[in-house]
Amino acid sequence: MTPRVRHCVECPKCLTRYLVGFSPYRNGSYLMPLSLDLSEEWTLYCSCGRPPISTRRNWNELKLYAVSNQAHDRGYRAHEEIVLVRKKSQFSG
């Protein structure tokens, strides 16, 4: 099957990648918008640390990833299972 392409937030400590829009996650992590009326910035609270590791991200910092159906159903996966999509330059042959 063809993987889906989605925006994800990555935990800098454990490198788990979380799909935006699936919070809260089954592993206890969650992604919170910084304001209720503006969803362009979020804080990821990853359950890999005690207290949870917090990482702030802006919409334009999010990258596109190829996400398998299994990872999409869960909403997160290890970095080996959700792969960064490299965009081709408009100038590349």
PDB file of N, CA and C in Angstrom:
ATOM      1  N   MET A   1       0.819  -1.182   0.000  1.00  0.00           N
ATOM      2  CA  MET A   1       0.000   0.000   0.000  1.00  0.00           C
ATOM      3  C   MET A   1       0.872   1.258   0.000  1.00  0.00           C
ATOM      4  N   THR A   2       0.343   2.310  -0.573  1.00  0.00           N
ATOM      5  CA  THR A   2       1.048   3.574  -0.628  1.00  0.00           C
ATOM      6  C   THR A   2       0.959   4.281   0.725  1.00  0.00           C
ATOM      7  N   PRO A   3       2.099   4.754   1.241  1.00  0.00           N
ATOM      8  CA  PRO A   3       2.048   5.465   2.517  1.00  0.00           C
ATOM      9  C   PRO A   3       1.361   6.819   2.356  1.00  0.00           C
ATOM     10  N   ARG A   4       0.814   7.314   3.430  1.00  0.00           N
ATOM     11  CA  ARG A   4       0.195   8.636   3.446  1.00  0.00           C
ATOM     12  C   ARG A   4       1.274   9.661   3.763  1.00  0.00           C
ATOM     13  N   VAL A   5       1.078  10.894   3.350  1.00  0.00           N
ATOM     14  CA  VAL A   5       2.009  11.974   3.653  1.00  0.00           C
ATOM     15  C   VAL A   5       1.315  12.906   4.639  1.00  0.00           C
ATOM     16  N   ARG A   6       1.945  13.109   5.793  1.00  0.00           N
ATOM     17  CA  ARG A   6       1.348  13.904   6.873  1.00  0.00           C
ATOM     18  C   ARG A   6       2.412  14.763   7.550  1.00  0.00           C
ATOM     19  N   HIS A   7       1.950  15.845   8.196  1.00  0.00           N
ATOM     20  CA  HIS A   7       2.826  16.656   9.044  1.00  0.00           C
ATOM     21  C   HIS A   7       2.977  15.958  10.394  1.00  0.00           C
ATOM     22  N   CYS A   8       4.204  15.969  10.912  1.00  0.00           N
ATOM     23  CA  CYS A   8       4.490  15.346  12.198  1.00  0.00           C
ATOM     24  C   CYS A   8       5.370  16.257  13.040  1.00  0.00           C
ATOM     25  N   VAL A   9       5.321  16.014  14.357  1.00  0.00           N
ATOM     26  CA  VAL A   9       6.205  16.665  15.314  1.00  0.00           C
ATOM     27  C   VAL A   9       7.071  15.566  15.902  1.00  0.00           C
ATOM     28  N   GLU A  10       8.384  15.807  15.971  1.00  0.00           N
ATOM     29  CA  GLU A  10       9.319  14.807  16.469  1.00  0.00           C
ATOM     30  C   GLU A  10       9.847  15.194  17.848  1.00  0.00           C
ATOM     31  N   CYS A  11       9.883  14.237  18.755  1.00  0.00           N
ATOM     32  CA  CYS A  11      10.491  14.456  20.060  1.00  0.00           C
ATOM     33  C   CYS A  11      12.008  14.487  19.884  1.00  0.00           C
ATOM     34  N   PRO A  12      12.690  15.531  20.361  1.00  0.00           N
ATOM     35  CA  PRO A  12      14.141  15.601  20.182  1.00  0.00           C
ATOM     36  C   PRO A  12      14.911  14.578  21.021  1.00  0.00           C
ATOM     37  N   LYS A  13      14.293  14.015  22.053  1.00  0.00           N
ATOM     38  CA  LYS A  13      14.989  13.048  22.908  1.00  0.00           C
ATOM     39  C   LYS A  13      14.873  11.617  22.372  1.00  0.00           C
ATOM     40  N   CYS A  14      13.644  11.136  22.194  1.00  0.00           N
ATOM     41  CA  CYS A  14      13.452   9.736  21.786  1.00  0.00           C
ATOM     42  C   CYS A  14      13.239   9.564  20.283  1.00  0.00           C
ATOM     43  N   LEU A  15      13.054  10.676  19.555  1.00  0.00           N
ATOM     44  CA  LEU A  15      12.865  10.705  18.104  1.00  0.00           C
ATOM     45  C   LEU A  15      11.544  10.098  17.637  1.00  0.00           C
ATOM     46  N   THR A  16      10.615   9.869  18.550  1.00  0.00           N
ATOM     47  CA  THR A  16       9.285   9.407  18.146  1.00  0.00           C
ATOM     48  C   THR A  16       8.611  10.530  17.380  1.00  0.00           C
ATOM     49  N   ARG A  17       7.911  10.179  16.306  1.00  0.00           N
ATOM     50  CA  ARG A  17       7.214  11.161  15.476  1.00  0.00           C
ATOM     51  C   ARG A  17       5.726  11.036  15.706  1.00  0.00           C
ATOM     52  N   TYR A  18       5.099  12.183  15.954  1.00  0.00           N
ATOM     53  CA  TYR A  18       3.672  12.256  16.281  1.00  0.00           C
ATOM     54  C   TYR A  18       2.923  12.986  15.182  1.00  0.00           C
ATOM     55  N   LEU A  19       1.834  12.387  14.714  1.00  0.00           N
ATOM     56  CA  LEU A  19       1.005  13.014  13.696  1.00  0.00           C
ATOM     57  C   LEU A  19       0.158  14.106  14.339  1.00  0.00           C
ATOM     58  N   VAL A  20       0.132  15.278  13.697  1.00  0.00           N
ATOM     59  CA  VAL A  20      -0.683  16.387  14.183  1.00  0.00           C
ATOM     60  C   VAL A  20      -2.154  15.995  14.032  1.00  0.00           C
ATOM     61  N   GLY A  21      -2.951  16.268  15.042  1.00  0.00           N
ATOM     62  CA  GLY A  21      -4.378  15.991  14.990  1.00  0.00           C
ATOM     63  C   GLY A  21      -4.794  14.685  15.636  1.00  0.00           C
ATOM     64  N   PHE A  22      -3.856  13.940  16.214  1.00  0.00           N
ATOM     65  CA  PHE A  22      -4.170  12.651  16.823  1.00  0.00           C
ATOM     66  C   PHE A  22      -4.042  12.664  18.342  1.00  0.00           C
ATOM     67  N   SER A  23      -3.746  13.808  18.923  1.00  0.00           N
ATOM     68  CA  SER A  23      -3.534  13.932  20.367  1.00  0.00           C
ATOM     69  C   SER A  23      -4.846  13.794  21.131  1.00  0.00           C
ATOM     70  N   PRO A  24      -4.849  13.196  22.305  1.00  0.00           N
ATOM     71  CA  PRO A  24      -3.744  12.580  23.033  1.00  0.00           C
ATOM     72  C   PRO A  24      -3.401  11.215  22.426  1.00  0.00           C
ATOM     73  N   TYR A  25      -2.152  10.805  22.623  1.00  0.00           N
ATOM     74  CA  TYR A  25      -1.649   9.567  22.051  1.00  0.00           C
ATOM     75  C   TYR A  25      -1.702   8.440  23.083  1.00  0.00           C
ATOM     76  N   ARG A  26      -1.786   7.219  22.600  1.00  0.00           N
ATOM     77  CA  ARG A  26      -1.927   6.051  23.491  1.00  0.00           C
ATOM     78  C   ARG A  26      -0.751   5.840  24.432  1.00  0.00           C
ATOM     79  N   ASN A  27       0.409   6.404  24.119  1.00  0.00           N
ATOM     80  CA  ASN A  27       1.580   6.217  24.978  1.00  0.00           C
ATOM     81  C   ASN A  27       1.658   7.267  26.086  1.00  0.00           C
ATOM     82  N   GLY A  28       0.638   8.123  26.201  1.00  0.00           N
ATOM     83  CA  GLY A  28       0.605   9.143  27.248  1.00  0.00           C
ATOM     84  C   GLY A  28       1.111  10.500  26.802  1.00  0.00           C
ATOM     85  N   SER A  29       1.616  10.618  25.595  1.00  0.00           N
ATOM     86  CA  SER A  29       2.071  11.904  25.071  1.00  0.00           C
ATOM     87  C   SER A  29       0.882  12.696  24.555  1.00  0.00           C
ATOM     88  N   TYR A  30       1.068  14.014  24.447  1.00  0.00           N
ATOM     89  CA  TYR A  30       0.009  14.840  23.887  1.00  0.00           C
ATOM     90  C   TYR A  30       0.589  16.101  23.270  1.00  0.00           C
ATOM     91  N   LEU A  31      -0.158  16.666  22.329  1.00  0.00           N
ATOM     92  CA  LEU A  31       0.219  17.860  21.601  1.00  0.00           C
ATOM     93  C   LEU A  31      -0.829  18.919  21.896  1.00  0.00           C
ATOM     94  N   MET A  32      -0.392  20.039  22.470  1.00  0.00           N
ATOM     95  CA  MET A  32      -1.316  21.096  22.898  1.00  0.00           C
ATOM     96  C   MET A  32      -1.067  22.375  22.103  1.00  0.00           C
ATOM     97  N   PRO A  33      -2.142  23.010  21.586  1.00  0.00           N
ATOM     98  CA  PRO A  33      -1.958  24.315  20.950  1.00  0.00           C
ATOM     99  C   PRO A  33      -1.578  25.341  22.012  1.00  0.00           C
ATOM    100  N   LEU A  34      -0.786  26.338  21.630  1.00  0.00           N
ATOM    101  CA  LEU A  34      -0.371  27.364  22.584  1.00  0.00           C
ATOM    102  C   LEU A  34      -1.508  28.320  22.930  1.00  0.00           C
ATOM    103  N   SER A  35      -2.486  28.443  22.031  1.00  0.00           N
ATOM    104  CA  SER A  35      -3.674  29.233  22.341  1.00  0.00           C
ATOM    105  C   SER A  35      -4.881  28.535  21.739  1.00  0.00           C
ATOM    106  N   LEU A  36      -6.029  28.759  22.326  1.00  0.00           N
ATOM    107  CA  LEU A  36      -7.241  28.087  21.857  1.00  0.00           C
ATOM    108  C   LEU A  36      -7.713  28.613  20.515  1.00  0.00           C
ATOM    109  N   ASP A  37      -7.460  29.880  20.222  1.00  0.00           N
ATOM    110  CA  ASP A  37      -7.955  30.459  18.976  1.00  0.00           C
ATOM    111  C   ASP A  37      -6.946  30.395  17.830  1.00  0.00           C
ATOM    112  N   LEU A  38      -5.711  30.013  18.114  1.00  0.00           N
ATOM    113  CA  LEU A  38      -4.684  29.972  17.090  1.00  0.00           C
ATOM    114  C   LEU A  38      -3.959  28.639  17.152  1.00  0.00           C
ATOM    115  N   SER A  39      -4.091  27.833  16.118  1.00  0.00           N
ATOM    116  CA  SER A  39      -3.464  26.513  16.146  1.00  0.00           C
ATOM    117  C   SER A  39      -2.228  26.455  15.255  1.00  0.00           C
ATOM    118  N   GLU A  40      -1.453  27.537  15.223  1.00  0.00           N
ATOM    119  CA  GLU A  40      -0.232  27.544  14.435  1.00  0.00           C
ATOM    120  C   GLU A  40       1.001  27.189  15.253  1.00  0.00           C
ATOM    121  N   GLU A  41       0.872  27.159  16.576  1.00  0.00           N
ATOM    122  CA  GLU A  41       1.987  26.767  17.433  1.00  0.00           C
ATOM    123  C   GLU A  41       1.497  25.751  18.453  1.00  0.00           C
ATOM    124  N   TRP A  42       2.329  24.734  18.685  1.00  0.00           N
ATOM    125  CA  TRP A  42       1.986  23.678  19.625  1.00  0.00           C
ATOM    126  C   TRP A  42       3.153  23.381  20.543  1.00  0.00           C
ATOM    127  N   THR A  43       2.837  22.744  21.654  1.00  0.00           N
ATOM    128  CA  THR A  43       3.858  22.162  22.513  1.00  0.00           C
ATOM    129  C   THR A  43       3.585  20.671  22.580  1.00  0.00           C
ATOM    130  N   LEU A  44       4.608  19.878  22.249  1.00  0.00           N
ATOM    131  CA  LEU A  44       4.530  18.433  22.366  1.00  0.00           C
ATOM    132  C   LEU A  44       5.043  18.049  23.742  1.00  0.00           C
ATOM    133  N   TYR A  45       4.264  17.284  24.475  1.00  0.00           N
ATOM    134  CA  TYR A  45       4.682  16.711  25.755  1.00  0.00           C
ATOM    135  C   TYR A  45       4.861  15.219  25.530  1.00  0.00           C
ATOM    136  N   CYS A  46       6.103  14.787  25.402  1.00  0.00           N
ATOM    137  CA  CYS A  46       6.405  13.390  25.100  1.00  0.00           C
ATOM    138  C   CYS A  46       6.588  12.614  26.400  1.00  0.00           C
ATOM    139  N   SER A  47       6.026  11.445  26.458  1.00  0.00           N
ATOM    140  CA  SER A  47       6.055  10.605  27.661  1.00  0.00           C
ATOM    141  C   SER A  47       7.386   9.893  27.870  1.00  0.00           C
ATOM    142  N   CYS A  48       8.389  10.164  27.039  1.00  0.00           N
ATOM    143  CA  CYS A  48       9.675   9.481  27.196  1.00  0.00           C
ATOM    144  C   CYS A  48      10.459   9.996  28.399  1.00  0.00           C
ATOM    145  N   GLY A  49      10.072  11.113  28.968  1.00  0.00           N
ATOM    146  CA  GLY A  49      10.779  11.681  30.115  1.00  0.00           C
ATOM    147  C   GLY A  49       9.866  11.862  31.307  1.00  0.00           C
ATOM    148  N   ARG A  50      10.446  12.025  32.463  1.00  0.00           N
ATOM    149  CA  ARG A  50       9.706  12.312  33.697  1.00  0.00           C
ATOM    150  C   ARG A  50      10.302  13.536  34.344  1.00  0.00           C
ATOM    151  N   PRO A  51       9.648  14.681  34.349  1.00  0.00           N
ATOM    152  CA  PRO A  51       8.353  14.965  33.729  1.00  0.00           C
ATOM    153  C   PRO A  51       8.450  14.876  32.201  1.00  0.00           C
ATOM    154  N   PRO A  52       7.292  14.873  31.520  1.00  0.00           N
ATOM    155  CA  PRO A  52       7.317  14.750  30.064  1.00  0.00           C
ATOM    156  C   PRO A  52       8.206  15.811  29.406  1.00  0.00           C
ATOM    157  N   ILE A  53       8.887  15.412  28.351  1.00  0.00           N
ATOM    158  CA  ILE A  53       9.743  16.315  27.580  1.00  0.00           C
ATOM    159  C   ILE A  53       8.840  17.250  26.789  1.00  0.00           C
ATOM    160  N   SER A  54       9.037  18.562  26.917  1.00  0.00           N
ATOM    161  CA  SER A  54       8.213  19.508  26.160  1.00  0.00           C
ATOM    162  C   SER A  54       9.028  20.126  25.031  1.00  0.00           C
ATOM    163  N   THR A  55       8.385  20.229  23.875  1.00  0.00           N
ATOM    164  CA  THR A  55       8.998  20.779  22.676  1.00  0.00           C
ATOM    165  C   THR A  55       7.987  21.686  22.002  1.00  0.00           C
ATOM    166  N   ARG A  56       8.372  22.924  21.742  1.00  0.00           N
ATOM    167  CA  ARG A  56       7.476  23.890  21.097  1.00  0.00           C
ATOM    168  C   ARG A  56       7.758  23.912  19.603  1.00  0.00           C
ATOM    169  N   ARG A  57       6.686  23.878  18.796  1.00  0.00           N
ATOM    170  CA  ARG A  57       6.822  23.890  17.340  1.00  0.00           C
ATOM    171  C   ARG A  57       5.818  24.853  16.719  1.00  0.00           C
ATOM    172  N   ASN A  58       6.251  25.499  15.630  1.00  0.00           N
ATOM    173  CA  ASN A  58       5.408  26.377  14.832  1.00  0.00           C
ATOM    174  C   ASN A  58       5.009  25.607  13.573  1.00  0.00           C
ATOM    175  N   TRP A  59       3.862  25.940  12.997  1.00  0.00           N
ATOM    176  CA  TRP A  59       3.358  25.239  11.814  1.00  0.00           C
ATOM    177  C   TRP A  59       4.404  25.202  10.701  1.00  0.00           C
ATOM    178  N   ASN A  60       5.103  26.323  10.453  1.00  0.00           N
ATOM    179  CA  ASN A  60       6.061  26.345   9.345  1.00  0.00           C
ATOM    180  C   ASN A  60       7.333  25.554   9.638  1.00  0.00           C
ATOM    181  N   GLU A  61       7.511  25.057  10.875  1.00  0.00           N
ATOM    182  CA  GLU A  61       8.650  24.198  11.218  1.00  0.00           C
ATOM    183  C   GLU A  61       8.341  22.718  11.008  1.00  0.00           C
ATOM    184  N   LEU A  62       7.062  22.396  10.832  1.00  0.00           N
ATOM    185  CA  LEU A  62       6.684  20.993  10.672  1.00  0.00           C
ATOM    186  C   LEU A  62       7.137  20.476   9.313  1.00  0.00           C
ATOM    187  N   LYS A  63       7.554  19.224   9.289  1.00  0.00           N
ATOM    188  CA  LYS A  63       8.016  18.593   8.060  1.00  0.00           C
ATOM    189  C   LYS A  63       6.999  17.547   7.627  1.00  0.00           C
ATOM    190  N   LEU A  64       7.079  17.174   6.360  1.00  0.00           N
ATOM    191  CA  LEU A  64       6.207  16.135   5.820  1.00  0.00           C
ATOM    192  C   LEU A  64       6.889  14.785   5.924  1.00  0.00           C
ATOM    193  N   TYR A  65       6.102  13.789   6.309  1.00  0.00           N
ATOM    194  CA  TYR A  65       6.611  12.434   6.480  1.00  0.00           C
ATOM    195  C   TYR A  65       5.708  11.441   5.757  1.00  0.00           C
ATOM    196  N   ALA A  66       6.314  10.374   5.251  1.00  0.00           N
ATOM    197  CA  ALA A  66       5.571   9.245   4.700  1.00  0.00           C
ATOM    198  C   ALA A  66       5.184   8.359   5.875  1.00  0.00           C
ATOM    199  N   VAL A  67       3.890   8.127   6.024  1.00  0.00           N
ATOM    200  CA  VAL A  67       3.360   7.438   7.196  1.00  0.00           C
ATOM    201  C   VAL A  67       2.650   6.161   6.745  1.00  0.00           C
ATOM    202  N   SER A  68       3.054   5.032   7.296  1.00  0.00           N
ATOM    203  CA  SER A  68       2.396   3.765   6.960  1.00  0.00           C
ATOM    204  C   SER A  68       0.983   3.767   7.536  1.00  0.00           C
ATOM    205  N   ASN A  69       0.145   2.871   7.041  1.00  0.00           N
ATOM    206  CA  ASN A  69      -1.218   2.769   7.567  1.00  0.00           C
ATOM    207  C   ASN A  69      -1.227   2.430   9.049  1.00  0.00           C
ATOM    208  N   GLN A  70      -0.314   1.543   9.474  1.00  0.00           N
ATOM    209  CA  GLN A  70      -0.243   1.159  10.886  1.00  0.00           C
ATOM    210  C   GLN A  70       0.131   2.362  11.757  1.00  0.00           C
ATOM    211  N   ALA A  71       1.105   3.150  11.323  1.00  0.00           N
ATOM    212  CA  ALA A  71       1.506   4.341  12.076  1.00  0.00           C
ATOM    213  C   ALA A  71       0.381   5.374  12.070  1.00  0.00           C
ATOM    214  N   HIS A  72      -0.320   5.485  10.957  1.00  0.00           N
ATOM    215  CA  HIS A  72      -1.434   6.433  10.875  1.00  0.00           C
ATOM    216  C   HIS A  72      -2.541   6.045  11.839  1.00  0.00           C
ATOM    217  N   ASP A  73      -2.835   4.766  11.931  1.00  0.00           N
ATOM    218  CA  ASP A  73      -3.880   4.298  12.846  1.00  0.00           C
ATOM    219  C   ASP A  73      -3.514   4.573  14.302  1.00  0.00           C
ATOM    220  N   ARG A  74      -2.247   4.477  14.647  1.00  0.00           N
ATOM    221  CA  ARG A  74      -1.791   4.705  16.012  1.00  0.00           C
ATOM    222  C   ARG A  74      -1.642   6.201  16.307  1.00  0.00           C
ATOM    223  N   GLY A  75      -1.184   6.984  15.301  1.00  0.00           N
ATOM    224  CA  GLY A  75      -0.971   8.416  15.487  1.00  0.00           C
ATOM    225  C   GLY A  75       0.462   8.774  15.806  1.00  0.00           C
ATOM    226  N   TYR A  76       1.303   7.785  15.987  1.00  0.00           N
ATOM    227  CA  TYR A  76       2.726   8.004  16.258  1.00  0.00           C
ATOM    228  C   TYR A  76       3.490   6.718  15.976  1.00  0.00           C
ATOM    229  N   ARG A  77       4.774   6.842  15.797  1.00  0.00           N
ATOM    230  CA  ARG A  77       5.656   5.686  15.614  1.00  0.00           C
ATOM    231  C   ARG A  77       7.097   6.147  15.764  1.00  0.00           C
ATOM    232  N   ALA A  78       7.994   5.184  15.814  1.00  0.00           N
ATOM    233  CA  ALA A  78       9.422   5.458  15.871  1.00  0.00           C
ATOM    234  C   ALA A  78       9.879   6.104  14.565  1.00  0.00           C
ATOM    235  N   HIS A  79      10.992   6.799  14.640  1.00  0.00           N
ATOM    236  CA  HIS A  79      11.490   7.518  13.468  1.00  0.00           C
ATOM    237  C   HIS A  79      11.838   6.597  12.303  1.00  0.00           C
ATOM    238  N   GLU A  80      12.108   5.342  12.559  1.00  0.00           N
ATOM    239  CA  GLU A  80      12.390   4.406  11.474  1.00  0.00           C
ATOM    240  C   GLU A  80      11.132   4.043  10.683  1.00  0.00           C
ATOM    241  N   GLU A  81       9.964   4.250  11.284  1.00  0.00           N
ATOM    242  CA  GLU A  81       8.713   3.833  10.660  1.00  0.00           C
ATOM    243  C   GLU A  81       7.926   4.985  10.033  1.00  0.00           C
ATOM    244  N   ILE A  82       8.285   6.212  10.356  1.00  0.00           N
ATOM    245  CA  ILE A  82       7.684   7.395   9.736  1.00  0.00           C
ATOM    246  C   ILE A  82       8.853   8.157   9.118  1.00  0.00           C
ATOM    247  N   VAL A  83       8.909   8.169   7.789  1.00  0.00           N
ATOM    248  CA  VAL A  83      10.100   8.605   7.073  1.00  0.00           C
ATOM    249  C   VAL A  83       9.907   9.995   6.470  1.00  0.00           C
ATOM    250  N   LEU A  84      10.920  10.835   6.650  1.00  0.00           N
ATOM    251  CA  LEU A  84      10.896  12.189   6.108  1.00  0.00           C
ATOM    252  C   LEU A  84      10.773  12.154   4.595  1.00  0.00           C
ATOM    253  N   VAL A  85       9.887  12.988   4.051  1.00  0.00           N
ATOM    254  CA  VAL A  85       9.704  13.115   2.606  1.00  0.00           C
ATOM    255  C   VAL A  85      10.624  14.224   2.132  1.00  0.00           C
ATOM    256  N   ARG A  86      11.475  13.903   1.222  1.00  0.00           N
ATOM    257  CA  ARG A  86      12.384  14.904   0.664  1.00  0.00           C
ATOM    258  C   ARG A  86      11.749  15.452  -0.612  1.00  0.00           C
ATOM    259  N   LYS A  87      11.517  16.758  -0.610  1.00  0.00           N
ATOM    260  CA  LYS A  87      10.940  17.380  -1.807  1.00  0.00           C
ATOM    261  C   LYS A  87      12.026  17.616  -2.836  1.00  0.00           C
ATOM    262  N   LYS A  88      11.681  17.339  -4.095  1.00  0.00           N
ATOM    263  CA  LYS A  88      12.612  17.624  -5.187  1.00  0.00           C
ATOM    264  C   LYS A  88      12.582  19.118  -5.470  1.00  0.00           C
ATOM    265  N   SER A  89      13.728  19.661  -5.765  1.00  0.00           N
ATOM    266  CA  SER A  89      13.811  21.067  -6.152  1.00  0.00           C
ATOM    267  C   SER A  89      13.184  21.232  -7.523  1.00  0.00           C
ATOM    268  N   GLN A  90      12.574  22.388  -7.757  1.00  0.00           N
ATOM    269  CA  GLN A  90      12.000  22.640  -9.065  1.00  0.00           C
ATOM    270  C   GLN A  90      13.079  22.758 -10.141  1.00  0.00           C
ATOM    271  N   PHE A  91      14.347  22.939  -9.700  1.00  0.00           N
ATOM    272  CA  PHE A  91      15.449  23.086 -10.626  1.00  0.00           C
ATOM    273  C   PHE A  91      16.213  21.783 -10.861  1.00  0.00           C
ATOM    274  N   SER A  92      15.878  20.718 -10.128  1.00  0.00           N
ATOM    275  CA  SER A  92      16.604  19.463 -10.307  1.00  0.00           C
ATOM    276  C   SER A  92      16.081  18.746 -11.541  1.00  0.00           C
ATOM    277  N   GLY A  93      16.975  18.041 -12.217  1.00  0.00           N
ATOM    278  CA  GLY A  93      16.655  17.402 -13.471  1.00  0.00           C
ATOM    279  C   GLY A  93      15.935  16.156 -13.284  1.00  0.00           C
TER     280      GLY A  93
END
